[in-house]
């Protein structure tokens, strides 16, 4: 598990700050979303990852009016937000 508490991009992160998110954090973001899908739909984690597909190249803020910390970043396609 990466050190998620230390990942903080602040308000209105720049493109450079988004690209500074390392692979471990990207995996943790992706895994967190897959786990939430698996629980919500009562399916296996493998099935959830198959629904989710590959992560996007650059993270984005979920809530643009909140700080850019681990819990407000997403790396999955925006159209999957409600899955």
Protein backbone atom coordinates (compact mmCIF):
# COMPACT_ATOMS: atom_id res chain seq x y z
CA UNK A 1 0.00 0.00 0.00
CA UNK A 2 1.55 3.31 -0.99
CA UNK A 3 1.85 6.14 1.46
CA UNK A 4 -1.48 7.69 0.46
CA UNK A 5 -1.57 10.20 3.29
CA UNK A 6 1.40 12.07 1.83
CA UNK A 7 -0.10 12.47 -1.68
CA UNK A 8 -1.45 16.02 -1.78
CA UNK A 9 -1.63 18.16 -4.91
CA UNK A 10 -3.42 21.12 -3.35
CA UNK A 11 -6.16 23.21 -4.94
CA UNK A 12 -6.28 23.53 -8.73
CA UNK A 13 -3.29 21.27 -9.48
CA UNK A 14 -1.17 22.03 -12.52
CA UNK A 15 -0.62 19.52 -15.33
CA UNK A 16 2.88 18.96 -13.98
CA UNK A 17 1.52 18.07 -10.53
CA UNK A 18 -0.85 15.51 -12.06
CA UNK A 19 1.98 13.88 -13.98
CA UNK A 20 4.01 13.63 -10.76
CA UNK A 21 1.61 10.99 -9.37
CA UNK A 22 3.67 7.80 -9.39
CA UNK A 23 2.66 4.31 -10.52
CA UNK A 24 2.09 3.00 -7.00
CA UNK A 25 -0.43 5.72 -6.28
CA UNK A 26 -2.08 5.21 -9.67
CA UNK A 27 -2.48 1.50 -8.92
CA UNK A 28 -3.91 2.27 -5.48
CA UNK A 29 -6.48 4.66 -7.00
CA UNK A 30 -7.46 2.10 -9.62
CA UNK A 31 -7.65 -0.74 -7.09
CA UNK A 32 -9.78 1.37 -4.74
CA UNK A 33 -12.34 2.00 -7.50
CA UNK A 34 -12.36 -1.68 -8.55
CA UNK A 35 -12.93 -2.75 -4.95
CA UNK A 36 -15.83 -0.30 -4.59
CA UNK A 37 -17.40 -1.66 -7.81
CA UNK A 38 -16.97 -5.26 -6.64
CA UNK A 39 -18.64 -4.52 -3.31
CA UNK A 40 -21.46 -2.43 -4.82
CA UNK A 41 -22.28 -5.00 -7.51
CA UNK A 42 -21.47 -8.09 -5.43
CA UNK A 43 -19.03 -9.38 -8.06
CA UNK A 44 -15.46 -10.63 -7.94
CA UNK A 45 -12.56 -8.21 -7.96
CA UNK A 46 -11.48 -9.70 -11.29
CA UNK A 47 -14.91 -8.91 -12.80
CA UNK A 48 -14.72 -5.39 -11.38
CA UNK A 49 -11.29 -4.82 -12.97
CA UNK A 50 -12.66 -6.08 -16.27
CA UNK A 51 -15.52 -3.56 -16.08
CA UNK A 52 -13.15 -0.80 -15.07
CA UNK A 53 -10.59 -1.47 -17.78
CA UNK A 54 -7.14 0.13 -17.85
CA UNK A 55 -6.42 3.31 -15.95
CA UNK A 56 -6.06 6.62 -17.69
CA UNK A 57 -2.64 8.17 -18.16
CA UNK A 58 -3.28 11.16 -15.87
CA UNK A 59 -5.36 11.37 -12.69
CA UNK A 60 -8.15 13.95 -12.39
CA UNK A 61 -10.01 15.57 -9.53
CA UNK A 62 -13.36 14.01 -8.68
CA UNK A 63 -14.60 17.20 -7.00
CA UNK A 64 -12.98 20.27 -8.56
CA UNK A 65 -13.86 22.36 -5.48
CA UNK A 66 -11.93 20.13 -3.09
CA UNK A 67 -8.21 19.60 -2.48
CA UNK A 68 -6.25 17.21 -4.70
CA UNK A 69 -5.56 14.46 -2.20
CA UNK A 70 -5.69 10.71 -2.75
CA UNK A 71 -9.38 10.49 -1.86
CA UNK A 72 -10.36 13.17 -4.39
CA UNK A 73 -8.41 11.77 -7.35
CA UNK A 74 -9.60 9.29 -9.96
CA UNK A 75 -7.76 7.50 -12.72
CA UNK A 76 -10.67 5.64 -14.32
CA UNK A 77 -12.75 6.91 -17.23
CA UNK A 78 -15.24 9.58 -16.07
CA UNK A 79 -18.20 7.68 -17.55
CA UNK A 80 -17.51 4.91 -15.01
CA UNK A 81 -18.01 7.21 -12.03
CA UNK A 82 -21.46 5.81 -11.26
CA UNK A 83 -20.64 2.12 -11.66
